[in-house]
């Protein structure tokens, strides 16, 4: 199973802050000696852009089994993605959950591939599993923030680029 590496820029401000080299004004940009020193003090722009590098994969059989054990028998999970920075560390899991009156995406967190200390990261995960609700730390929240992008990359590929099918044909 081949994984993907997702890089994401996170910013608490407006979209202009996502630029990696935003100049505060044309006068500072034209003066190379003042642009680096004045950009942080003269520009009232939001916090700098934060880059998050994560691994994005379909969850391993071990992780799916751990999640299946926590999910009520009334519900089934599918399309399970695993976002993490390393296999032994914290994992953010997103799964499609179906059951009586419910068909949603739900998120959990856990440590290592076996998802030790499994915790629900949203109300849907808490509703369908025995995992306690937890408030994630900032690093885990960053991982959770990437689960939808990972899910979309793996299960809803871009219609315009359909590169996966082309690559599969090349292998034949």
N, C-alpha and C. Protein backbone atom coordinates (compact mmCIF):
# COMPACT_ATOMS: atom_id res chain seq x y z
N UNK A 1 0.86 -1.17 0.00
CA UNK A 1 0.00 0.00 0.00
C UNK A 1 0.90 1.23 0.00
N UNK A 2 0.75 2.02 -1.03
CA UNK A 2 1.58 3.22 -1.14
C UNK A 2 0.90 4.39 -0.44
N UNK A 3 1.66 5.12 0.31
CA UNK A 3 1.11 6.27 1.05
C UNK A 3 1.35 7.56 0.29
N UNK A 4 0.73 8.57 0.74
CA UNK A 4 0.89 9.89 0.16
C UNK A 4 1.41 10.82 1.24
N UNK A 5 2.16 11.79 0.83
CA UNK A 5 2.65 12.80 1.76
C UNK A 5 1.91 14.08 1.44
N UNK A 6 1.18 14.59 2.39
CA UNK A 6 0.44 15.83 2.20
C UNK A 6 1.16 16.96 2.88
N UNK A 7 1.31 18.04 2.18
CA UNK A 7 1.84 19.27 2.76
C UNK A 7 0.72 20.27 2.73
N UNK A 8 0.46 20.89 3.84
CA UNK A 8 -0.63 21.85 3.90
C UNK A 8 -0.16 23.13 4.57
N UNK A 9 -0.63 24.22 4.04
CA UNK A 9 -0.34 25.51 4.67
C UNK A 9 -1.53 25.90 5.52
N UNK A 10 -1.29 26.18 6.76
CA UNK A 10 -2.36 26.57 7.67
C UNK A 10 -2.15 28.01 8.09
N UNK A 11 -3.21 28.78 8.09
CA UNK A 11 -3.11 30.17 8.50
C UNK A 11 -4.39 30.57 9.19
N UNK A 12 -4.26 31.36 10.22
CA UNK A 12 -5.45 31.78 10.93
C UNK A 12 -6.05 33.04 10.33
N UNK A 13 -5.41 33.61 9.34
CA UNK A 13 -5.88 34.86 8.74
C UNK A 13 -6.57 34.65 7.41
N UNK A 14 -6.57 35.72 6.60
CA UNK A 14 -7.23 35.67 5.31
C UNK A 14 -6.37 34.92 4.30
N UNK A 15 -6.89 34.74 3.07
CA UNK A 15 -6.19 33.97 2.07
C UNK A 15 -4.88 34.60 1.63
N UNK A 16 -4.73 35.89 1.75
CA UNK A 16 -3.49 36.55 1.37
C UNK A 16 -2.33 36.06 2.23
N UNK A 17 -2.60 35.57 3.40
CA UNK A 17 -1.54 35.12 4.30
C UNK A 17 -0.96 33.78 3.87
N UNK A 18 -1.61 33.05 2.95
CA UNK A 18 -1.10 31.76 2.54
C UNK A 18 0.06 31.87 1.56
N UNK A 19 0.32 33.03 1.04
CA UNK A 19 1.46 33.21 0.17
C UNK A 19 2.74 33.04 0.95
N UNK A 20 3.70 32.32 0.36
CA UNK A 20 4.93 32.07 1.11
C UNK A 20 5.86 33.27 1.12
N UNK A 21 5.64 34.24 0.24
CA UNK A 21 6.51 35.42 0.25
C UNK A 21 5.68 36.69 0.05
N UNK A 22 4.73 36.91 0.91
CA UNK A 22 3.88 38.09 0.80
C UNK A 22 4.66 39.33 1.21
N UNK A 23 4.68 40.34 0.35
CA UNK A 23 5.37 41.59 0.67
C UNK A 23 4.39 42.50 1.37
N UNK A 24 4.80 43.19 2.43
CA UNK A 24 3.88 44.02 3.18
C UNK A 24 3.42 45.25 2.40
N UNK A 25 4.26 45.81 1.57
CA UNK A 25 3.86 46.93 0.73
C UNK A 25 4.86 47.06 -0.40
N UNK A 26 4.50 47.84 -1.42
CA UNK A 26 5.39 47.97 -2.56
C UNK A 26 6.67 48.71 -2.19
N UNK A 27 6.63 49.64 -1.26
CA UNK A 27 7.84 50.35 -0.88
C UNK A 27 8.81 49.43 -0.14
N UNK A 28 8.31 48.52 0.69
CA UNK A 28 9.21 47.59 1.39
C UNK A 28 9.74 46.56 0.42
N UNK A 29 8.92 46.14 -0.53
CA UNK A 29 9.35 45.12 -1.47
C UNK A 29 10.45 45.65 -2.38
N UNK A 30 10.44 46.94 -2.68
CA UNK A 30 11.46 47.48 -3.57
C UNK A 30 12.77 47.72 -2.84
N UNK A 31 12.76 47.79 -1.55
CA UNK A 31 13.97 48.01 -0.78
C UNK A 31 14.38 46.70 -0.12
N UNK A 32 15.39 46.03 -0.70
CA UNK A 32 15.76 44.71 -0.19
C UNK A 32 16.32 44.78 1.22
N UNK A 33 16.94 45.86 1.60
CA UNK A 33 17.51 45.91 2.94
C UNK A 33 16.43 46.10 4.00
N UNK A 34 15.33 46.74 3.66
CA UNK A 34 14.30 46.96 4.66
C UNK A 34 13.18 45.93 4.62
N UNK A 35 13.06 45.17 3.53
CA UNK A 35 11.93 44.25 3.42
C UNK A 35 11.98 43.14 4.45
N UNK A 36 13.14 42.61 4.75
CA UNK A 36 13.17 41.51 5.71
C UNK A 36 13.00 42.01 7.14
N UNK A 37 13.52 43.19 7.45
CA UNK A 37 13.40 43.67 8.82
C UNK A 37 12.08 44.36 9.09
N UNK A 38 11.51 44.99 8.09
CA UNK A 38 10.27 45.73 8.33
C UNK A 38 9.03 44.89 8.11
N UNK A 39 9.14 43.76 7.42
CA UNK A 39 7.94 42.98 7.12
C UNK A 39 7.29 42.42 8.38
N UNK A 40 8.06 42.09 9.39
CA UNK A 40 7.45 41.53 10.59
C UNK A 40 6.95 42.61 11.55
N UNK A 41 7.57 43.78 11.54
CA UNK A 41 7.15 44.79 12.50
C UNK A 41 6.17 45.80 11.92
N UNK A 42 6.27 46.12 10.63
CA UNK A 42 5.41 47.14 10.05
C UNK A 42 4.11 46.56 9.51
N UNK A 43 4.08 45.29 9.21
CA UNK A 43 2.90 44.69 8.60
C UNK A 43 1.99 44.11 9.68
N UNK A 44 0.74 44.57 9.75
CA UNK A 44 -0.18 44.04 10.75
C UNK A 44 -0.87 42.75 10.29
N UNK A 45 -0.26 42.01 9.37
CA UNK A 45 -0.89 40.80 8.84
C UNK A 45 -0.95 39.72 9.91
N UNK A 46 -1.78 38.69 9.66
CA UNK A 46 -1.93 37.61 10.62
C UNK A 46 -0.64 36.81 10.79
N UNK A 47 -0.71 35.81 11.66
CA UNK A 47 0.43 34.96 11.95
C UNK A 47 1.02 34.38 10.67
N UNK A 48 2.30 34.02 10.69
CA UNK A 48 2.92 33.44 9.51
C UNK A 48 2.30 32.09 9.17
N UNK A 49 2.46 31.69 7.93
CA UNK A 49 1.92 30.43 7.46
C UNK A 49 2.65 29.26 8.13
N UNK A 50 1.89 28.25 8.50
CA UNK A 50 2.44 27.07 9.15
C UNK A 50 2.32 25.90 8.19
N UNK A 51 3.41 25.21 7.93
CA UNK A 51 3.41 24.07 7.03
C UNK A 51 3.33 22.79 7.88
N UNK A 52 2.40 21.90 7.50
CA UNK A 52 2.21 20.64 8.20
C UNK A 52 2.48 19.52 7.20
N UNK A 53 3.47 18.69 7.46
CA UNK A 53 3.78 17.55 6.60
C UNK A 53 3.30 16.29 7.31
N UNK A 54 2.44 15.53 6.63
CA UNK A 54 1.86 14.33 7.23
C UNK A 54 1.89 13.18 6.24
N UNK A 55 1.77 11.98 6.77
CA UNK A 55 1.60 10.79 5.95
C UNK A 55 0.10 10.52 5.85
N UNK A 56 -0.34 10.18 4.66
CA UNK A 56 -1.75 9.95 4.38
C UNK A 56 -1.89 8.60 3.69
N UNK A 57 -2.58 7.67 4.31
CA UNK A 57 -2.76 6.32 3.77
C UNK A 57 -4.15 5.81 4.09
N UNK A 58 -4.54 4.75 3.37
CA UNK A 58 -5.67 3.99 3.85
C UNK A 58 -5.17 3.31 5.12
N UNK A 59 -6.02 3.18 6.08
CA UNK A 59 -5.63 2.59 7.36
C UNK A 59 -5.21 1.13 7.18
N UNK A 60 -4.27 0.70 8.01
CA UNK A 60 -3.82 -0.69 7.97
C UNK A 60 -4.90 -1.61 8.52
N UNK A 61 -4.76 -2.90 8.25
CA UNK A 61 -5.72 -3.88 8.78
C UNK A 61 -5.76 -3.82 10.31
N UNK A 62 -4.60 -3.62 10.91
CA UNK A 62 -4.49 -3.53 12.36
C UNK A 62 -5.29 -2.34 12.92
N UNK A 63 -5.17 -1.19 12.25
CA UNK A 63 -5.90 0.00 12.68
C UNK A 63 -7.40 -0.16 12.46
N UNK A 64 -7.78 -0.74 11.33
CA UNK A 64 -9.20 -0.96 11.05
C UNK A 64 -9.79 -1.92 12.06
N UNK A 65 -9.04 -2.97 12.42
CA UNK A 65 -9.52 -3.93 13.42
C UNK A 65 -9.73 -3.25 14.77
N UNK A 66 -8.80 -2.39 15.16
CA UNK A 66 -8.94 -1.67 16.43
C UNK A 66 -10.17 -0.77 16.41
N UNK A 67 -10.41 -0.12 15.30
CA UNK A 67 -11.57 0.76 15.18
C UNK A 67 -12.86 -0.05 15.14
N UNK A 68 -12.85 -1.16 14.38
CA UNK A 68 -14.02 -2.04 14.33
C UNK A 68 -14.41 -2.54 15.71
N UNK A 69 -13.41 -2.85 16.53
CA UNK A 69 -13.69 -3.34 17.88
C UNK A 69 -14.38 -2.28 18.74
N UNK A 70 -14.13 -1.02 18.47
CA UNK A 70 -14.72 0.06 19.26
C UNK A 70 -16.09 0.48 18.75
N UNK A 71 -16.35 0.25 17.46
CA UNK A 71 -17.62 0.69 16.86
C UNK A 71 -18.73 -0.30 17.20
N UNK A 72 -19.88 0.23 17.53
CA UNK A 72 -21.06 -0.58 17.85
C UNK A 72 -21.40 -1.51 16.69
N UNK A 73 -21.96 -2.69 17.03
CA UNK A 73 -22.34 -3.68 16.01
C UNK A 73 -23.40 -3.15 15.05
N UNK A 74 -24.11 -2.10 15.43
CA UNK A 74 -25.15 -1.51 14.58
C UNK A 74 -24.56 -0.70 13.43
N UNK A 75 -23.26 -0.42 13.48
CA UNK A 75 -22.63 0.45 12.48
C UNK A 75 -21.49 -0.26 11.77
N UNK A 76 -21.28 0.14 10.53
CA UNK A 76 -20.14 -0.37 9.76
C UNK A 76 -19.26 0.81 9.35
N UNK A 77 -17.97 0.53 9.26
CA UNK A 77 -17.03 1.56 8.81
C UNK A 77 -16.41 1.13 7.48
N UNK A 78 -16.11 2.10 6.66
CA UNK A 78 -15.43 1.84 5.40
C UNK A 78 -14.62 3.07 5.04
N UNK A 79 -13.83 2.95 4.00
CA UNK A 79 -13.01 4.06 3.51
C UNK A 79 -12.28 4.76 4.67
N UNK A 80 -11.50 3.99 5.39
CA UNK A 80 -10.80 4.48 6.58
C UNK A 80 -9.44 5.03 6.17
N UNK A 81 -9.18 6.29 6.53
CA UNK A 81 -7.89 6.90 6.24
C UNK A 81 -7.15 7.18 7.55
N UNK A 82 -5.84 7.18 7.44
CA UNK A 82 -4.95 7.35 8.59
C UNK A 82 -3.98 8.48 8.27
N UNK A 83 -4.00 9.52 9.09
CA UNK A 83 -3.09 10.66 8.93
C UNK A 83 -2.19 10.70 10.16
N UNK A 84 -0.87 10.78 9.92
CA UNK A 84 0.09 10.74 11.02
C UNK A 84 1.40 11.33 10.55
N UNK A 85 2.28 11.60 11.50
CA UNK A 85 3.63 12.03 11.15
C UNK A 85 4.58 10.85 11.21
N UNK A 86 4.27 9.84 12.03
CA UNK A 86 5.05 8.59 12.08
C UNK A 86 4.16 7.48 12.62
N UNK A 87 4.54 6.23 12.34
CA UNK A 87 3.69 5.10 12.71
C UNK A 87 3.51 4.92 14.21
N UNK A 88 4.52 5.24 15.01
CA UNK A 88 4.44 5.03 16.45
C UNK A 88 3.72 6.17 17.18
N UNK A 89 3.61 7.32 16.55
CA UNK A 89 3.03 8.49 17.20
C UNK A 89 1.51 8.52 17.12
N UNK A 90 0.98 9.72 17.26
CA UNK A 90 -0.46 9.95 17.23
C UNK A 90 -0.99 9.80 15.80
N UNK A 91 -2.15 9.17 15.69
CA UNK A 91 -2.83 8.97 14.40
C UNK A 91 -4.18 9.67 14.46
N UNK A 92 -4.56 10.29 13.35
CA UNK A 92 -5.91 10.83 13.19
C UNK A 92 -6.60 9.95 12.16
N UNK A 93 -7.73 9.42 12.51
CA UNK A 93 -8.46 8.47 11.66
C UNK A 93 -9.78 9.10 11.23
N UNK A 94 -10.09 8.96 9.95
CA UNK A 94 -11.38 9.40 9.42
C UNK A 94 -11.99 8.20 8.71
N UNK A 95 -13.24 7.90 9.01
CA UNK A 95 -13.91 6.76 8.39
C UNK A 95 -15.33 7.13 8.02
N UNK A 96 -15.81 6.50 6.96
CA UNK A 96 -17.21 6.62 6.58
C UNK A 96 -17.98 5.63 7.43
N UNK A 97 -18.98 6.10 8.14
CA UNK A 97 -19.75 5.27 9.07
C UNK A 97 -21.20 5.20 8.60
N UNK A 98 -21.74 3.98 8.53
CA UNK A 98 -23.14 3.78 8.15
C UNK A 98 -23.83 2.93 9.21
N UNK A 99 -25.08 3.27 9.46
CA UNK A 99 -25.87 2.51 10.42
C UNK A 99 -27.27 3.08 10.47
N UNK A 100 -28.05 2.66 11.45
CA UNK A 100 -29.44 3.14 11.55
C UNK A 100 -29.51 4.66 11.62
N UNK A 101 -30.05 5.26 10.57
CA UNK A 101 -30.25 6.71 10.54
C UNK A 101 -28.99 7.53 10.45
N UNK A 102 -27.87 6.92 10.07
CA UNK A 102 -26.61 7.66 10.06
C UNK A 102 -25.72 7.19 8.91
N UNK A 103 -25.22 8.13 8.15
CA UNK A 103 -24.22 7.88 7.12
C UNK A 103 -23.34 9.12 7.10
N UNK A 104 -22.23 9.08 7.85
CA UNK A 104 -21.39 10.26 8.05
C UNK A 104 -19.91 9.89 8.05
N UNK A 105 -19.10 10.92 8.01
CA UNK A 105 -17.67 10.77 8.23
C UNK A 105 -17.43 11.07 9.71
N UNK A 106 -16.65 10.22 10.37
CA UNK A 106 -16.35 10.41 11.79
C UNK A 106 -14.84 10.33 12.00
N UNK A 107 -14.36 11.02 13.04
CA UNK A 107 -12.94 11.10 13.32
C UNK A 107 -12.59 10.55 14.71
N UNK A 108 -11.46 9.85 14.76
CA UNK A 108 -10.91 9.36 16.01
C UNK A 108 -9.42 9.68 16.06
N UNK A 109 -8.84 9.56 17.24
CA UNK A 109 -7.40 9.64 17.39
C UNK A 109 -6.94 8.43 18.18
N UNK A 110 -5.71 8.04 17.96
CA UNK A 110 -5.13 6.92 18.70
C UNK A 110 -3.63 6.90 18.49
N UNK A 111 -2.95 6.16 19.34
CA UNK A 111 -1.49 6.10 19.28
C UNK A 111 -1.04 4.81 18.62
N UNK A 112 -0.10 4.92 17.69
CA UNK A 112 0.45 3.76 17.00
C UNK A 112 -0.55 3.12 16.07
N UNK A 113 -0.09 2.11 15.34
CA UNK A 113 -0.95 1.43 14.37
C UNK A 113 -2.09 0.68 15.03
N UNK A 114 -1.91 0.32 16.32
CA UNK A 114 -2.98 -0.39 17.03
C UNK A 114 -4.00 0.57 17.64
N UNK A 115 -3.79 1.87 17.45
CA UNK A 115 -4.70 2.92 17.94
C UNK A 115 -4.94 2.84 19.44
N UNK A 116 -3.87 2.66 20.20
CA UNK A 116 -3.98 2.66 21.66
C UNK A 116 -4.56 3.99 22.13
N UNK A 117 -5.26 3.96 23.22
CA UNK A 117 -5.92 5.16 23.77
C UNK A 117 -6.86 5.81 22.75
N UNK A 118 -7.60 4.98 22.03
CA UNK A 118 -8.54 5.46 21.02
C UNK A 118 -9.52 6.45 21.65
N UNK A 119 -9.69 7.58 20.99
CA UNK A 119 -10.61 8.60 21.48
C UNK A 119 -11.43 9.16 20.33
N UNK A 120 -12.66 9.49 20.60
CA UNK A 120 -13.52 10.13 19.60
C UNK A 120 -13.11 11.59 19.47
N UNK A 121 -13.00 12.04 18.22
CA UNK A 121 -12.61 13.43 17.98
C UNK A 121 -13.80 14.29 17.56
N UNK A 122 -14.95 13.67 17.35
CA UNK A 122 -16.16 14.43 17.04
C UNK A 122 -17.38 13.70 17.59
N UNK A 123 -18.51 14.36 17.56
CA UNK A 123 -19.72 13.78 18.16
C UNK A 123 -20.19 12.52 17.45
N UNK A 124 -19.95 12.41 16.14
CA UNK A 124 -20.37 11.21 15.42
C UNK A 124 -19.56 10.00 15.86
N UNK A 125 -18.24 10.18 16.02
CA UNK A 125 -17.38 9.09 16.48
C UNK A 125 -17.80 8.65 17.88
N UNK A 126 -18.11 9.59 18.74
CA UNK A 126 -18.55 9.27 20.10
C UNK A 126 -19.89 8.53 20.08
N UNK A 127 -20.77 8.92 19.16
CA UNK A 127 -22.10 8.33 19.08
C UNK A 127 -22.05 6.87 18.63
N UNK A 128 -21.12 6.51 17.74
CA UNK A 128 -21.12 5.16 17.16
C UNK A 128 -20.11 4.22 17.81
N UNK A 129 -19.29 4.73 18.71
CA UNK A 129 -18.26 3.88 19.30
C UNK A 129 -18.24 4.02 20.82
N UNK A 130 -17.50 3.14 21.44
CA UNK A 130 -17.33 3.21 22.89
C UNK A 130 -16.15 4.09 23.27
N UNK A 131 -15.54 4.75 22.29
CA UNK A 131 -14.37 5.60 22.57
C UNK A 131 -14.79 6.88 23.27
N UNK A 132 -14.08 7.26 24.32
CA UNK A 132 -14.42 8.50 25.02
C UNK A 132 -14.09 9.73 24.15
N UNK A 133 -14.83 10.78 24.37
CA UNK A 133 -14.58 12.04 23.67
C UNK A 133 -13.32 12.67 24.27
N UNK A 134 -12.45 13.21 23.42
CA UNK A 134 -11.20 13.82 23.90
C UNK A 134 -11.00 15.17 23.24
N UNK A 135 -10.28 16.03 23.93
CA UNK A 135 -9.90 17.32 23.37
C UNK A 135 -8.44 17.20 22.94
N UNK A 136 -8.19 17.19 21.61
CA UNK A 136 -6.82 16.97 21.14
C UNK A 136 -5.91 18.17 21.38
N UNK A 137 -4.61 17.87 21.52
CA UNK A 137 -3.63 18.95 21.61
C UNK A 137 -3.43 19.55 20.22
N UNK A 138 -2.62 20.60 20.13
CA UNK A 138 -2.47 21.32 18.86
C UNK A 138 -1.92 20.43 17.74
N UNK A 139 -0.92 19.60 18.04
CA UNK A 139 -0.33 18.73 17.02
C UNK A 139 -1.36 17.73 16.50
N UNK A 140 -2.15 17.16 17.41
CA UNK A 140 -3.18 16.21 17.00
C UNK A 140 -4.28 16.92 16.23
N UNK A 141 -4.62 18.14 16.62
CA UNK A 141 -5.62 18.93 15.89
C UNK A 141 -5.13 19.19 14.46
N UNK A 142 -3.84 19.43 14.28
CA UNK A 142 -3.28 19.61 12.93
C UNK A 142 -3.48 18.35 12.10
N UNK A 143 -3.26 17.18 12.71
CA UNK A 143 -3.49 15.92 12.00
C UNK A 143 -4.95 15.75 11.63
N UNK A 144 -5.84 16.03 12.58
CA UNK A 144 -7.28 15.94 12.31
C UNK A 144 -7.69 16.87 11.18
N UNK A 145 -7.06 18.03 11.14
CA UNK A 145 -7.37 19.00 10.09
C UNK A 145 -7.01 18.51 8.69
N UNK A 146 -6.15 17.51 8.60
CA UNK A 146 -5.73 16.99 7.30
C UNK A 146 -6.49 15.74 6.87
N UNK A 147 -7.36 15.21 7.72
CA UNK A 147 -8.04 13.96 7.38
C UNK A 147 -8.97 14.08 6.18
N UNK A 148 -9.66 15.19 6.05
CA UNK A 148 -10.59 15.34 4.93
C UNK A 148 -9.80 15.45 3.62
N UNK A 149 -8.69 16.17 3.63
CA UNK A 149 -7.85 16.27 2.43
C UNK A 149 -7.32 14.89 2.06
N UNK A 150 -6.90 14.13 3.04
CA UNK A 150 -6.41 12.78 2.81
C UNK A 150 -7.53 11.90 2.24
N UNK A 151 -8.69 11.95 2.84
CA UNK A 151 -9.85 11.17 2.39
C UNK A 151 -10.19 11.52 0.94
N UNK A 152 -10.21 12.80 0.64
CA UNK A 152 -10.52 13.25 -0.72
C UNK A 152 -9.46 12.77 -1.71
N UNK A 153 -8.21 12.82 -1.31
CA UNK A 153 -7.12 12.38 -2.17
C UNK A 153 -7.24 10.89 -2.48
N UNK A 154 -7.59 10.09 -1.49
CA UNK A 154 -7.65 8.64 -1.66
C UNK A 154 -8.96 8.14 -2.26
N UNK A 155 -10.07 8.75 -1.91
CA UNK A 155 -11.36 8.19 -2.30
C UNK A 155 -12.18 9.04 -3.26
N UNK A 156 -11.79 10.27 -3.49
CA UNK A 156 -12.52 11.14 -4.42
C UNK A 156 -11.50 11.90 -5.26
N UNK A 157 -10.74 11.18 -6.11
CA UNK A 157 -9.69 11.85 -6.88
C UNK A 157 -10.25 12.94 -7.78
N UNK A 158 -9.39 13.89 -8.06
CA UNK A 158 -9.72 15.01 -8.91
C UNK A 158 -10.23 14.52 -10.26
N UNK A 159 -11.40 14.99 -10.67
CA UNK A 159 -12.00 14.56 -11.94
C UNK A 159 -11.16 14.97 -13.14
N UNK A 160 -10.50 16.11 -13.07
CA UNK A 160 -9.75 16.61 -14.23
C UNK A 160 -8.45 15.86 -14.45
N UNK A 161 -7.88 15.28 -13.39
CA UNK A 161 -6.58 14.67 -13.52
C UNK A 161 -6.58 13.15 -13.54
N UNK A 162 -7.58 12.48 -13.19
CA UNK A 162 -7.72 11.03 -13.18
C UNK A 162 -6.41 10.29 -13.46
N UNK A 163 -5.32 10.73 -12.83
CA UNK A 163 -4.00 10.17 -13.06
C UNK A 163 -3.87 8.74 -12.56
N UNK A 164 -4.61 8.37 -11.55
CA UNK A 164 -4.48 7.03 -10.99
C UNK A 164 -4.82 5.99 -12.05
N UNK A 165 -5.90 6.19 -12.80
CA UNK A 165 -6.28 5.24 -13.84
C UNK A 165 -5.20 5.18 -14.92
N UNK A 166 -4.65 6.32 -15.29
CA UNK A 166 -3.60 6.35 -16.30
C UNK A 166 -2.38 5.59 -15.82
N UNK A 167 -1.98 5.74 -14.56
CA UNK A 167 -0.82 5.06 -14.01
C UNK A 167 -1.06 3.56 -13.97
N UNK A 168 -2.29 3.15 -13.64
CA UNK A 168 -2.61 1.72 -13.59
C UNK A 168 -2.52 1.11 -14.98
N UNK A 169 -2.95 1.83 -16.01
CA UNK A 169 -2.86 1.33 -17.38
C UNK A 169 -1.40 1.19 -17.81
N UNK A 170 -0.55 2.10 -17.37
CA UNK A 170 0.86 2.04 -17.72
C UNK A 170 1.54 0.82 -17.12
N UNK A 171 1.07 0.34 -15.99
CA UNK A 171 1.67 -0.82 -15.33
C UNK A 171 1.35 -2.11 -16.05
N UNK A 172 0.28 -2.14 -16.84
CA UNK A 172 -0.15 -3.38 -17.50
C UNK A 172 0.75 -3.76 -18.64
